[in-house]
C-alpha cells in the first residue's frame, strides 16, 4: 500500500484517464514499457550468417585449393570437376541453412508481433478496461487471470496463489497457479 501511495494510485479505482495532467506526467517521468523491438533479418543476412560457419569456409577454401591443384595436375579440361562438386554442395548446404533460419526468424517475428499487440485488463477510473500491453503506464493495476502471461515488471497488490502446477513449471523455472483468487 505504501507503493500505491507513492505512485498516487487508489487500489479500488486505479488510474484516472480523465486526469490528463497525471497521465501526461506518468508518460514523461516514468520509462514507458516497451519490449525489445525484434528485427526480422532478410534472407541475405541469414545467408551471410550461414556462410560465416567455419566448417563451410574451410570446405569452400579446400574446394578452391583442390581445383587449383587439379587444374595444375590434370589440366583445365577435367582438373576442376571434383572440387566444383564440393563447392556446389557447400552452397546448397549454406542455402538450406539460410532458408531454415529465415523461416524460423519469420515465425519468431510474427509471434513477437502478436505478443506485443496483446490486450491486458487494467483498472482505470474504477472500471476494468482492456488496453494494449504497450499502453501500460506506471501505476496501472492489472487484473491477472489464470493462464495470463504478463511481460511487465510489477508487484502483486492483492490476491494469493492457492495451488501449484509443478509439471507445467519445470521447463520455465516459474510456478503456474492452478487457482488464483483475486
C-alpha atoms as a PDB file:
ATOM      1  CA  UNK A   1       0.000   0.000   0.000  1.00  0.00           C
ATOM      2  CA  UNK A   2       2.961   2.276   0.616  1.00  0.00           C
ATOM      3  CA  UNK A   3       3.968   1.843  -3.030  1.00  0.00           C
ATOM      4  CA  UNK A   4       0.450   2.735  -4.181  1.00  0.00           C
ATOM      5  CA  UNK A   5       0.581   5.934  -2.121  1.00  0.00           C
ATOM      6  CA  UNK A   6       3.941   6.852  -3.606  1.00  0.00           C
ATOM      7  CA  UNK A   7       2.551   6.308  -7.115  1.00  0.00           C
ATOM      8  CA  UNK A   8      -0.640   8.212  -6.227  1.00  0.00           C
ATOM      9  CA  UNK A   9      -2.916   5.282  -7.138  1.00  0.00           C
ATOM     10  CA  UNK A  10      -6.049   4.078  -5.369  1.00  0.00           C
ATOM     11  CA  UNK A  11      -6.426   0.290  -5.366  1.00  0.00           C
ATOM     12  CA  UNK A  12     -10.199   0.452  -5.953  1.00  0.00           C
ATOM     13  CA  UNK A  13     -10.094   2.970  -8.809  1.00  0.00           C
ATOM     14  CA  UNK A  14      -6.710   2.569 -10.464  1.00  0.00           C
ATOM     15  CA  UNK A  15      -5.512   5.366 -12.714  1.00  0.00           C
ATOM     16  CA  UNK A  16      -7.873   8.094 -13.836  1.00  0.00           C
ATOM     17  CA  UNK A  17      -7.638   8.577 -17.617  1.00  0.00           C
ATOM     18  CA  UNK A  18      -9.678  11.801 -17.404  1.00  0.00           C
ATOM     19  CA  UNK A  19      -6.864  13.374 -15.365  1.00  0.00           C
ATOM     20  CA  UNK A  20      -4.807  14.282 -18.415  1.00  0.00           C
ATOM     21  CA  UNK A  21      -2.062  16.048 -16.451  1.00  0.00           C
ATOM     22  CA  UNK A  22      -1.471  12.911 -14.322  1.00  0.00           C
ATOM     23  CA  UNK A  23      -1.407  10.670 -17.398  1.00  0.00           C
ATOM     24  CA  UNK A  24       0.976  13.055 -19.177  1.00  0.00           C
ATOM     25  CA  UNK A  25       3.240  13.242 -16.104  1.00  0.00           C
ATOM     26  CA  UNK A  26       3.377   9.434 -15.890  1.00  0.00           C
ATOM     27  CA  UNK A  27       4.339   9.178 -19.557  1.00  0.00           C
ATOM     28  CA  UNK A  28       7.066  11.811 -19.160  1.00  0.00           C
ATOM     29  CA  UNK A  29       8.502  10.872 -15.742  1.00  0.00           C
ATOM     30  CA  UNK A  30       8.467   7.091 -15.942  1.00  0.00           C
ATOM     31  CA  UNK A  31      10.157   4.970 -18.544  1.00  0.00           C
ATOM     32  CA  UNK A  32       7.423   3.502 -20.746  1.00  0.00           C
ATOM     33  CA  UNK A  33       7.295  -0.254 -21.029  1.00  0.00           C
ATOM     34  CA  UNK A  34       8.276  -1.349 -24.495  1.00  0.00           C
ATOM     35  CA  UNK A  35       9.609  -4.736 -25.282  1.00  0.00           C
ATOM     36  CA  UNK A  36      12.778  -5.035 -27.280  1.00  0.00           C
ATOM     37  CA  UNK A  37      11.905  -4.388 -30.893  1.00  0.00           C
ATOM     38  CA  UNK A  38      12.702  -7.519 -32.863  1.00  0.00           C
ATOM     39  CA  UNK A  39      14.414  -7.047 -36.224  1.00  0.00           C
ATOM     40  CA  UNK A  40      13.409  -9.512 -38.936  1.00  0.00           C
ATOM     41  CA  UNK A  41      16.614 -10.386 -40.794  1.00  0.00           C
ATOM     42  CA  UNK A  42      16.456 -10.588 -44.557  1.00  0.00           C
ATOM     43  CA  UNK A  43      17.297 -13.783 -46.410  1.00  0.00           C
ATOM     44  CA  UNK A  44      20.614 -12.198 -47.413  1.00  0.00           C
ATOM     45  CA  UNK A  45      21.515 -11.588 -43.765  1.00  0.00           C
ATOM     46  CA  UNK A  46      20.639 -15.209 -42.914  1.00  0.00           C
ATOM     47  CA  UNK A  47      22.747 -16.362 -45.898  1.00  0.00           C
ATOM     48  CA  UNK A  48      25.684 -14.278 -44.686  1.00  0.00           C
ATOM     49  CA  UNK A  49      25.392 -15.786 -41.185  1.00  0.00           C
ATOM     50  CA  UNK A  50      25.280 -19.323 -42.618  1.00  0.00           C
ATOM     51  CA  UNK A  51      28.241 -18.511 -44.888  1.00  0.00           C
ATOM     52  CA  UNK A  52      30.330 -17.486 -41.871  1.00  0.00           C
ATOM     53  CA  UNK A  53      30.255 -21.025 -40.492  1.00  0.00           C
ATOM     54  CA  UNK A  54      33.896 -22.099 -40.037  1.00  0.00           C
ATOM     55  CA  UNK A  55      33.389 -25.600 -41.391  1.00  0.00           C
ATOM     56  CA  UNK A  56      31.720 -24.271 -44.555  1.00  0.00           C
ATOM     57  CA  UNK A  57      34.507 -21.738 -45.062  1.00  0.00           C
ATOM     58  CA  UNK A  58      37.103 -24.493 -44.686  1.00  0.00           C
ATOM     59  CA  UNK A  59      35.275 -26.707 -47.199  1.00  0.00           C
ATOM     60  CA  UNK A  60      34.954 -23.858 -49.703  1.00  0.00           C
ATOM     61  CA  UNK A  61      38.635 -22.980 -49.259  1.00  0.00           C
ATOM     62  CA  UNK A  62      39.519 -26.673 -49.638  1.00  0.00           C
ATOM     63  CA  UNK A  63      37.493 -26.939 -52.855  1.00  0.00           C
ATOM     64  CA  UNK A  64      39.270 -23.898 -54.312  1.00  0.00           C
ATOM     65  CA  UNK A  65      42.673 -25.298 -53.369  1.00  0.00           C
ATOM     66  CA  UNK A  66      41.623 -28.720 -54.734  1.00  0.00           C
ATOM     67  CA  UNK A  67      40.500 -27.173 -58.010  1.00  0.00           C
ATOM     68  CA  UNK A  68      43.800 -25.303 -58.334  1.00  0.00           C
ATOM     69  CA  UNK A  69      45.814 -28.459 -57.712  1.00  0.00           C
ATOM     70  CA  UNK A  70      43.570 -30.459 -60.059  1.00  0.00           C
ATOM     71  CA  UNK A  71      43.955 -27.927 -62.859  1.00  0.00           C
ATOM     72  CA  UNK A  72      47.735 -27.919 -62.477  1.00  0.00           C
ATOM     73  CA  UNK A  73      47.869 -31.718 -62.330  1.00  0.00           C
ATOM     74  CA  UNK A  74      45.195 -32.811 -64.845  1.00  0.00           C
ATOM     75  CA  UNK A  75      44.702 -29.705 -66.967  1.00  0.00           C
ATOM     76  CA  UNK A  76      41.877 -27.225 -67.228  1.00  0.00           C
ATOM     77  CA  UNK A  77      39.506 -29.594 -69.007  1.00  0.00           C
ATOM     78  CA  UNK A  78      38.941 -32.065 -66.124  1.00  0.00           C
ATOM     79  CA  UNK A  79      41.006 -30.948 -63.122  1.00  0.00           C
ATOM     80  CA  UNK A  80      38.328 -28.769 -61.591  1.00  0.00           C
ATOM     81  CA  UNK A  81      35.334 -31.158 -61.779  1.00  0.00           C
ATOM     82  CA  UNK A  82      35.603 -32.920 -58.379  1.00  0.00           C
ATOM     83  CA  UNK A  83      36.306 -29.721 -56.482  1.00  0.00           C
ATOM     84  CA  UNK A  84      33.476 -27.919 -58.239  1.00  0.00           C
ATOM     85  CA  UNK A  85      31.075 -30.600 -56.952  1.00  0.00           C
ATOM     86  CA  UNK A  86      32.271 -29.963 -53.390  1.00  0.00           C
ATOM     87  CA  UNK A  87      31.983 -26.207 -53.933  1.00  0.00           C
ATOM     88  CA  UNK A  88      28.377 -26.535 -55.166  1.00  0.00           C
ATOM     89  CA  UNK A  89      27.383 -28.878 -52.333  1.00  0.00           C
ATOM     90  CA  UNK A  90      28.721 -26.334 -49.814  1.00  0.00           C
ATOM     91  CA  UNK A  91      26.495 -23.640 -51.270  1.00  0.00           C
ATOM     92  CA  UNK A  92      23.491 -25.981 -51.268  1.00  0.00           C
ATOM     93  CA  UNK A  93      24.027 -26.623 -47.539  1.00  0.00           C
ATOM     94  CA  UNK A  94      24.506 -22.898 -46.867  1.00  0.00           C
ATOM     95  CA  UNK A  95      21.353 -22.065 -48.841  1.00  0.00           C
ATOM     96  CA  UNK A  96      19.345 -24.702 -46.937  1.00  0.00           C
ATOM     97  CA  UNK A  97      20.598 -23.428 -43.560  1.00  0.00           C
ATOM     98  CA  UNK A  98      19.840 -19.812 -44.504  1.00  0.00           C
ATOM     99  CA  UNK A  99      16.375 -20.770 -45.713  1.00  0.00           C
ATOM    100  CA  UNK A 100      15.631 -22.678 -42.492  1.00  0.00           C
ATOM    101  CA  UNK A 101      16.915 -19.821 -40.298  1.00  0.00           C
ATOM    102  CA  UNK A 102      14.956 -17.220 -42.249  1.00  0.00           C
ATOM    103  CA  UNK A 103      11.699 -19.178 -41.843  1.00  0.00           C
ATOM    104  CA  UNK A 104      12.413 -19.640 -38.134  1.00  0.00           C
ATOM    105  CA  UNK A 105      13.139 -15.909 -37.689  1.00  0.00           C
ATOM    106  CA  UNK A 106       9.966 -15.013 -39.580  1.00  0.00           C
ATOM    107  CA  UNK A 107       7.848 -17.187 -37.250  1.00  0.00           C
ATOM    108  CA  UNK A 108       9.559 -15.670 -34.211  1.00  0.00           C
ATOM    109  CA  UNK A 109       8.909 -12.172 -35.557  1.00  0.00           C
ATOM    110  CA  UNK A 110       5.214 -12.980 -36.070  1.00  0.00           C
ATOM    111  CA  UNK A 111       4.973 -14.377 -32.522  1.00  0.00           C
ATOM    112  CA  UNK A 112       6.655 -11.298 -31.025  1.00  0.00           C
ATOM    113  CA  UNK A 113       4.341  -9.021 -33.006  1.00  0.00           C
ATOM    114  CA  UNK A 114       1.321 -10.950 -31.775  1.00  0.00           C
ATOM    115  CA  UNK A 115       2.541 -10.799 -28.167  1.00  0.00           C
ATOM    116  CA  UNK A 116       3.229  -7.059 -28.310  1.00  0.00           C
ATOM    117  CA  UNK A 117      -0.325  -6.397 -29.543  1.00  0.00           C
ATOM    118  CA  UNK A 118      -1.753  -8.413 -26.657  1.00  0.00           C
ATOM    119  CA  UNK A 119      -4.618  -6.875 -24.724  1.00  0.00           C
ATOM    120  CA  UNK A 120      -4.419  -6.718 -20.917  1.00  0.00           C
ATOM    121  CA  UNK A 121      -7.157  -5.750 -18.493  1.00  0.00           C
ATOM    122  CA  UNK A 122      -6.411  -2.802 -16.191  1.00  0.00           C
ATOM    123  CA  UNK A 123      -8.455  -0.974 -13.603  1.00  0.00           C
ATOM    124  CA  UNK A 124      -8.857   2.635 -14.639  1.00  0.00           C
ATOM    125  CA  UNK A 125     -11.333   5.045 -13.111  1.00  0.00           C
ATOM    126  CA  UNK A 126     -12.909   2.186 -11.136  1.00  0.00           C
ATOM    127  CA  UNK A 127     -13.701   0.096 -14.238  1.00  0.00           C
ATOM    128  CA  UNK A 128     -11.909  -2.824 -15.824  1.00  0.00           C
ATOM    129  CA  UNK A 129     -10.687  -1.685 -19.233  1.00  0.00           C
ATOM    130  CA  UNK A 130      -8.839  -3.668 -21.916  1.00  0.00           C
ATOM    131  CA  UNK A 131      -5.803  -1.843 -23.319  1.00  0.00           C
ATOM    132  CA  UNK A 132      -2.805  -2.817 -25.438  1.00  0.00           C
ATOM    133  CA  UNK A 133       0.109  -4.082 -23.370  1.00  0.00           C
ATOM    134  CA  UNK A 134       2.344  -1.377 -24.859  1.00  0.00           C
ATOM    135  CA  UNK A 135      -0.008   1.312 -23.478  1.00  0.00           C
ATOM    136  CA  UNK A 136       0.575   0.321 -19.838  1.00  0.00           C
ATOM    137  CA  UNK A 137       1.661   3.111 -17.525  1.00  0.00           C
ATOM    138  CA  UNK A 138       3.428   3.049 -14.188  1.00  0.00           C
ATOM    139  CA  UNK A 139       0.711   2.660 -11.554  1.00  0.00           C
ATOM    140  CA  UNK A 140      -1.711   0.634 -13.682  1.00  0.00           C
ATOM    141  CA  UNK A 141      -3.459  -2.119 -11.754  1.00  0.00           C
ATOM    142  CA  UNK A 142      -3.720  -5.252 -13.864  1.00  0.00           C
ATOM    143  CA  UNK A 143      -6.319  -7.966 -13.482  1.00  0.00           C
ATOM    144  CA  UNK A 144      -4.430 -11.221 -13.884  1.00  0.00           C
ATOM    145  CA  UNK A 145      -6.404 -14.287 -14.824  1.00  0.00           C
ATOM    146  CA  UNK A 146      -5.306 -17.895 -14.723  1.00  0.00           C
ATOM    147  CA  UNK A 147      -3.075 -18.605 -17.710  1.00  0.00           C
ATOM    148  CA  UNK A 148      -2.177 -14.953 -18.351  1.00  0.00           C
ATOM    149  CA  UNK A 149       1.393 -14.316 -19.397  1.00  0.00           C
ATOM    150  CA  UNK A 150       2.323 -10.818 -18.284  1.00  0.00           C
ATOM    151  CA  UNK A 151       5.591  -9.424 -19.654  1.00  0.00           C
ATOM    152  CA  UNK A 152       5.865  -6.374 -17.438  1.00  0.00           C
ATOM    153  CA  UNK A 153       7.538  -5.782 -14.091  1.00  0.00           C
ATOM    154  CA  UNK A 154       5.067  -5.404 -11.262  1.00  0.00           C
ATOM    155  CA  UNK A 155       4.043  -6.038  -7.681  1.00  0.00           C
ATOM    156  CA  UNK A 156       1.181  -8.262  -6.523  1.00  0.00           C
ATOM    157  CA  UNK A 157      -1.032  -5.873  -4.538  1.00  0.00           C
ATOM    158  CA  UNK A 158      -3.995  -8.147  -3.907  1.00  0.00           C
ATOM    159  CA  UNK A 159      -4.596 -11.879  -4.221  1.00  0.00           C
ATOM    160  CA  UNK A 160      -2.996 -15.153  -3.282  1.00  0.00           C
ATOM    161  CA  UNK A 161      -1.794 -18.265  -5.019  1.00  0.00           C
ATOM    162  CA  UNK A 162      -3.699 -21.317  -3.784  1.00  0.00           C
ATOM    163  CA  UNK A 163      -2.006 -24.222  -5.584  1.00  0.00           C
ATOM    164  CA  UNK A 164       0.923 -25.005  -7.811  1.00  0.00           C
ATOM    165  CA  UNK A 165       1.189 -26.980 -11.002  1.00  0.00           C
ATOM    166  CA  UNK A 166       4.833 -28.015 -10.928  1.00  0.00           C
ATOM    167  CA  UNK A 167       4.619 -30.278 -14.013  1.00  0.00           C
ATOM    168  CA  UNK A 168       3.993 -27.290 -16.261  1.00  0.00           C
ATOM    169  CA  UNK A 169       6.575 -25.151 -14.485  1.00  0.00           C
ATOM    170  CA  UNK A 170       9.581 -27.488 -14.752  1.00  0.00           C
ATOM    171  CA  UNK A 171      10.837 -26.161 -18.069  1.00  0.00           C
ATOM    172  CA  UNK A 172      10.383 -22.454 -17.398  1.00  0.00           C
ATOM    173  CA  UNK A 173      11.527 -22.008 -13.777  1.00  0.00           C
ATOM    174  CA  UNK A 174       8.181 -20.423 -12.942  1.00  0.00           C
ATOM    175  CA  UNK A 175       5.282 -21.686 -10.906  1.00  0.00           C
ATOM    176  CA  UNK A 176       1.872 -21.553 -12.552  1.00  0.00           C
ATOM    177  CA  UNK A 177      -1.097 -21.452 -10.219  1.00  0.00           C
ATOM    178  CA  UNK A 178      -3.973 -23.897 -10.603  1.00  0.00           C
ATOM    179  CA  UNK A 179      -6.303 -21.445  -8.877  1.00  0.00           C
ATOM    180  CA  UNK A 180      -5.874 -17.731  -8.401  1.00  0.00           C
ATOM    181  CA  UNK A 181      -8.009 -15.748  -6.008  1.00  0.00           C
ATOM    182  CA  UNK A 182      -8.497 -12.083  -6.907  1.00  0.00           C
END
